[in-house]
Amino acid sequence: MLVRGLVLAAALVGLVAFSVLLAKVTLTPSPASEDIVTSNLQPGRSLRQYAEDYTFLAACKQAGGNVLLGVPFGLLLPFFVPRRLRMIRTVLLAAVAMAVVELIQGALVQGRAFDIDDVILNTTGALLGYFVLGRRISHRYYT
């Protein structure tokens, strides 16, 4: 019981720390980009733009960075989600959290815009984190 409590406390600290880092990375103004950013509500549009306008490495960094941003949600949220329908709930919570971040970016942060592809990539990262490690670890400590 003590181990379970310590693991849950560590997961909570990790989730809070990640949330602070996420806010710092995604909600920092980018005034230099203000004239070139546009919102994207069409799934796949940004991904096509990465493929057409960037080098392969730059496109991988852009898309991969968005996937990596979602991984901690897949690792940490399962500790706080009941076992029944855990994967679906984890993915939905991650998608909602990332959509909220994107909405805040688009509405309030200078030089940033809402991009549905970012939400999709972040959610994919959460799913990846869940399947790689989150499911197994949380299963041990959640009753």
C-alpha atoms as a PDB file:
ATOM      1  CA  MET A   1       0.000   0.000   0.000  1.00  0.00           C
ATOM      2  CA  LEU A   2       2.864   2.389   0.825  1.00  0.00           C
ATOM      3  CA  VAL A   3       4.572   1.606  -2.487  1.00  0.00           C
ATOM      4  CA  ARG A   4       1.338   2.265  -4.372  1.00  0.00           C
ATOM      5  CA  GLY A   5       0.950   5.618  -2.610  1.00  0.00           C
ATOM      6  CA  LEU A   6       4.524   6.599  -3.417  1.00  0.00           C
ATOM      7  CA  VAL A   7       4.099   5.599  -7.058  1.00  0.00           C
ATOM      8  CA  LEU A   8       0.876   7.605  -7.356  1.00  0.00           C
ATOM      9  CA  ALA A   9       2.541  10.609  -5.699  1.00  0.00           C
ATOM     10  CA  ALA A  10       5.482  10.338  -8.109  1.00  0.00           C
ATOM     11  CA  ALA A  11       3.079  10.089 -11.062  1.00  0.00           C
ATOM     12  CA  LEU A  12       1.218  13.184  -9.840  1.00  0.00           C
ATOM     13  CA  VAL A  13       4.463  15.136  -9.447  1.00  0.00           C
ATOM     14  CA  GLY A  14       5.491  13.979 -12.933  1.00  0.00           C
ATOM     15  CA  LEU A  15       2.161  15.059 -14.406  1.00  0.00           C
ATOM     16  CA  VAL A  16       2.381  18.496 -12.779  1.00  0.00           C
ATOM     17  CA  ALA A  17       6.017  18.933 -13.863  1.00  0.00           C
ATOM     18  CA  PHE A  18       5.144  17.907 -17.400  1.00  0.00           C
ATOM     19  CA  SER A  19       2.183  20.299 -17.459  1.00  0.00           C
ATOM     20  CA  VAL A  20       4.449  23.185 -16.443  1.00  0.00           C
ATOM     21  CA  LEU A  21       6.977  22.229 -19.128  1.00  0.00           C
ATOM     22  CA  LEU A  22       4.198  21.861 -21.711  1.00  0.00           C
ATOM     23  CA  ALA A  23       2.885  25.332 -20.874  1.00  0.00           C
ATOM     24  CA  LYS A  24       6.373  26.806 -21.141  1.00  0.00           C
ATOM     25  CA  VAL A  25       7.045  25.162 -24.513  1.00  0.00           C
ATOM     26  CA  THR A  26       3.663  25.759 -26.127  1.00  0.00           C
ATOM     27  CA  LEU A  27       2.403  28.980 -24.574  1.00  0.00           C
ATOM     28  CA  THR A  28       5.523  31.116 -24.959  1.00  0.00           C
ATOM     29  CA  PRO A  29       4.882  33.972 -27.391  1.00  0.00           C
ATOM     30  CA  SER A  30       6.706  33.908 -30.715  1.00  0.00           C
ATOM     31  CA  PRO A  31       6.456  37.481 -32.035  1.00  0.00           C
ATOM     32  CA  ALA A  32       8.808  36.730 -34.948  1.00  0.00           C
ATOM     33  CA  SER A  33       6.278  34.206 -36.283  1.00  0.00           C
ATOM     34  CA  GLU A  34       3.258  36.471 -35.999  1.00  0.00           C
ATOM     35  CA  ASP A  35       3.082  37.329 -39.707  1.00  0.00           C
ATOM     36  CA  ILE A  36       3.494  33.754 -40.955  1.00  0.00           C
ATOM     37  CA  VAL A  37       1.293  31.644 -38.666  1.00  0.00           C
ATOM     38  CA  THR A  38      -2.229  30.640 -39.623  1.00  0.00           C
ATOM     39  CA  SER A  39      -4.711  28.375 -37.916  1.00  0.00           C
ATOM     40  CA  ASN A  40      -5.267  24.929 -39.399  1.00  0.00           C
ATOM     41  CA  LEU A  41      -8.578  23.121 -39.022  1.00  0.00           C
ATOM     42  CA  GLN A  42      -7.991  20.689 -41.904  1.00  0.00           C
ATOM     43  CA  PRO A  43      -6.416  17.392 -40.756  1.00  0.00           C
ATOM     44  CA  GLY A  44      -3.249  16.594 -42.689  1.00  0.00           C
ATOM     45  CA  ARG A  45      -2.681  20.092 -44.070  1.00  0.00           C
ATOM     46  CA  SER A  46       0.291  20.908 -41.837  1.00  0.00           C
ATOM     47  CA  LEU A  47       1.755  17.455 -42.382  1.00  0.00           C
ATOM     48  CA  ARG A  48       1.619  17.968 -46.160  1.00  0.00           C
ATOM     49  CA  GLN A  49       3.224  21.366 -45.698  1.00  0.00           C
ATOM     50  CA  TYR A  50       6.047  19.809 -43.651  1.00  0.00           C
ATOM     51  CA  ALA A  51       6.626  17.262 -46.409  1.00  0.00           C
ATOM     52  CA  GLU A  52       6.617  19.880 -49.170  1.00  0.00           C
ATOM     53  CA  ASP A  53       8.386  22.830 -47.546  1.00  0.00           C
ATOM     54  CA  TYR A  54      10.874  21.301 -45.115  1.00  0.00           C
ATOM     55  CA  THR A  55      13.841  19.006 -45.441  1.00  0.00           C
ATOM     56  CA  PHE A  56      13.166  15.442 -44.368  1.00  0.00           C
ATOM     57  CA  LEU A  57      15.014  15.984 -41.074  1.00  0.00           C
ATOM     58  CA  ALA A  58      13.177  19.237 -40.299  1.00  0.00           C
ATOM     59  CA  ALA A  59       9.806  17.615 -41.088  1.00  0.00           C
ATOM     60  CA  CYS A  60      10.649  14.679 -38.799  1.00  0.00           C
ATOM     61  CA  LYS A  61      11.661  17.067 -36.016  1.00  0.00           C
ATOM     62  CA  GLN A  62       8.436  19.042 -36.353  1.00  0.00           C
ATOM     63  CA  ALA A  63       6.115  16.024 -36.457  1.00  0.00           C
ATOM     64  CA  GLY A  64       8.200  13.963 -34.024  1.00  0.00           C
ATOM     65  CA  GLY A  65       8.323  16.800 -31.514  1.00  0.00           C
ATOM     66  CA  ASN A  66       4.541  16.948 -31.493  1.00  0.00           C
ATOM     67  CA  VAL A  67       4.301  13.177 -31.013  1.00  0.00           C
ATOM     68  CA  LEU A  68       6.833  13.322 -28.150  1.00  0.00           C
ATOM     69  CA  LEU A  69       4.838  16.076 -26.426  1.00  0.00           C
ATOM     70  CA  GLY A  70       1.952  13.641 -26.006  1.00  0.00           C
ATOM     71  CA  VAL A  71       3.930  10.653 -24.702  1.00  0.00           C
ATOM     72  CA  PRO A  72       3.990  11.767 -21.028  1.00  0.00           C
ATOM     73  CA  PHE A  73       0.197  11.873 -21.007  1.00  0.00           C
ATOM     74  CA  GLY A  74       0.113   8.242 -22.110  1.00  0.00           C
ATOM     75  CA  LEU A  75       2.598   7.323 -19.400  1.00  0.00           C
ATOM     76  CA  LEU A  76       1.113   9.287 -16.502  1.00  0.00           C
ATOM     77  CA  LEU A  77      -2.660   9.615 -17.030  1.00  0.00           C
ATOM     78  CA  PRO A  78      -3.329   5.857 -16.694  1.00  0.00           C
ATOM     79  CA  PHE A  79      -2.350   6.102 -13.017  1.00  0.00           C
ATOM     80  CA  PHE A  80      -5.410   8.275 -12.429  1.00  0.00           C
ATOM     81  CA  VAL A  81      -7.936   6.650 -14.764  1.00  0.00           C
ATOM     82  CA  PRO A  82     -10.011   3.644 -13.645  1.00  0.00           C
ATOM     83  CA  ARG A  83      -9.087   0.348 -15.271  1.00  0.00           C
ATOM     84  CA  ARG A  84     -12.389   0.030 -17.134  1.00  0.00           C
ATOM     85  CA  LEU A  85     -12.000   1.705 -20.536  1.00  0.00           C
ATOM     86  CA  ARG A  86      -8.587   3.048 -19.444  1.00  0.00           C
ATOM     87  CA  MET A  87      -7.109   3.336 -22.934  1.00  0.00           C
ATOM     88  CA  ILE A  88     -10.100   5.213 -24.330  1.00  0.00           C
ATOM     89  CA  ARG A  89     -10.300   7.537 -21.329  1.00  0.00           C
ATOM     90  CA  THR A  90      -6.562   8.207 -21.384  1.00  0.00           C
ATOM     91  CA  VAL A  91      -6.586   9.047 -25.082  1.00  0.00           C
ATOM     92  CA  LEU A  92      -9.695  11.231 -24.763  1.00  0.00           C
ATOM     93  CA  LEU A  93      -8.243  13.123 -21.785  1.00  0.00           C
ATOM     94  CA  ALA A  94      -4.984  13.670 -23.664  1.00  0.00           C
ATOM     95  CA  ALA A  95      -6.841  14.835 -26.789  1.00  0.00           C
ATOM     96  CA  VAL A  96      -8.959  17.278 -24.787  1.00  0.00           C
ATOM     97  CA  ALA A  97      -5.915  18.613 -22.909  1.00  0.00           C
ATOM     98  CA  MET A  98      -3.981  19.125 -26.133  1.00  0.00           C
ATOM     99  CA  ALA A  99      -6.974  20.739 -27.865  1.00  0.00           C
ATOM    100  CA  VAL A 100      -7.273  23.172 -24.942  1.00  0.00           C
ATOM    101  CA  VAL A 101      -3.562  24.013 -25.234  1.00  0.00           C
ATOM    102  CA  GLU A 102      -3.968  24.593 -28.979  1.00  0.00           C
ATOM    103  CA  LEU A 103      -7.064  26.756 -28.432  1.00  0.00           C
ATOM    104  CA  ILE A 104      -5.202  28.879 -25.879  1.00  0.00           C
ATOM    105  CA  GLN A 105      -2.268  29.175 -28.283  1.00  0.00           C
ATOM    106  CA  GLY A 106      -4.514  30.309 -31.099  1.00  0.00           C
ATOM    107  CA  ALA A 107      -6.577  32.735 -29.048  1.00  0.00           C
ATOM    108  CA  LEU A 108      -4.142  34.248 -26.574  1.00  0.00           C
ATOM    109  CA  VAL A 109      -0.506  33.709 -27.533  1.00  0.00           C
ATOM    110  CA  GLN A 110       1.223  36.059 -29.948  1.00  0.00           C
ATOM    111  CA  GLY A 111       2.815  34.283 -32.909  1.00  0.00           C
ATOM    112  CA  ARG A 112       1.052  30.970 -32.242  1.00  0.00           C
ATOM    113  CA  ALA A 113      -1.969  29.395 -33.932  1.00  0.00           C
ATOM    114  CA  PHE A 114      -4.383  26.506 -33.467  1.00  0.00           C
ATOM    115  CA  ASP A 115      -3.377  23.454 -35.523  1.00  0.00           C
ATOM    116  CA  ILE A 116      -5.538  20.323 -35.568  1.00  0.00           C
ATOM    117  CA  ASP A 117      -2.550  18.313 -36.808  1.00  0.00           C
ATOM    118  CA  ASP A 118      -0.721  19.150 -33.575  1.00  0.00           C
ATOM    119  CA  VAL A 119      -3.664  17.782 -31.578  1.00  0.00           C
ATOM    120  CA  ILE A 120      -3.657  14.604 -33.686  1.00  0.00           C
ATOM    121  CA  LEU A 121       0.117  14.134 -33.349  1.00  0.00           C
ATOM    122  CA  ASN A 122       0.055  14.855 -29.590  1.00  0.00           C
ATOM    123  CA  THR A 123      -2.777  12.368 -29.114  1.00  0.00           C
ATOM    124  CA  THR A 124      -0.861   9.799 -31.157  1.00  0.00           C
ATOM    125  CA  GLY A 125       2.050  10.330 -28.773  1.00  0.00           C
ATOM    126  CA  ALA A 126      -0.226   9.743 -25.777  1.00  0.00           C
ATOM    127  CA  LEU A 127      -1.436   6.503 -27.340  1.00  0.00           C
ATOM    128  CA  LEU A 128       2.158   5.467 -28.005  1.00  0.00           C
ATOM    129  CA  GLY A 129       3.161   6.241 -24.408  1.00  0.00           C
ATOM    130  CA  TYR A 130       0.183   4.290 -23.142  1.00  0.00           C
ATOM    131  CA  PHE A 131       0.991   1.169 -25.150  1.00  0.00           C
ATOM    132  CA  VAL A 132       4.764   1.261 -24.672  1.00  0.00           C
ATOM    133  CA  LEU A 133       4.789   1.666 -20.904  1.00  0.00           C
ATOM    134  CA  GLY A 134       1.802   3.421 -19.323  1.00  0.00           C
ATOM    135  CA  ARG A 135      -0.538   0.454 -19.499  1.00  0.00           C
ATOM    136  CA  ARG A 136       1.880  -2.000 -17.892  1.00  0.00           C
ATOM    137  CA  ILE A 137       3.134   0.258 -15.136  1.00  0.00           C
ATOM    138  CA  SER A 138      -0.250   1.663 -14.114  1.00  0.00           C
ATOM    139  CA  HIS A 139      -1.809  -1.811 -14.138  1.00  0.00           C
ATOM    140  CA  ARG A 140       0.560  -2.827 -11.341  1.00  0.00           C
ATOM    141  CA  TYR A 141      -0.277   0.055  -9.045  1.00  0.00           C
ATOM    142  CA  TYR A 142      -3.912   0.878  -9.766  1.00  0.00           C
ATOM    143  CA  THR A 143      -6.594  -1.204  -8.022  1.00  0.00           C
END
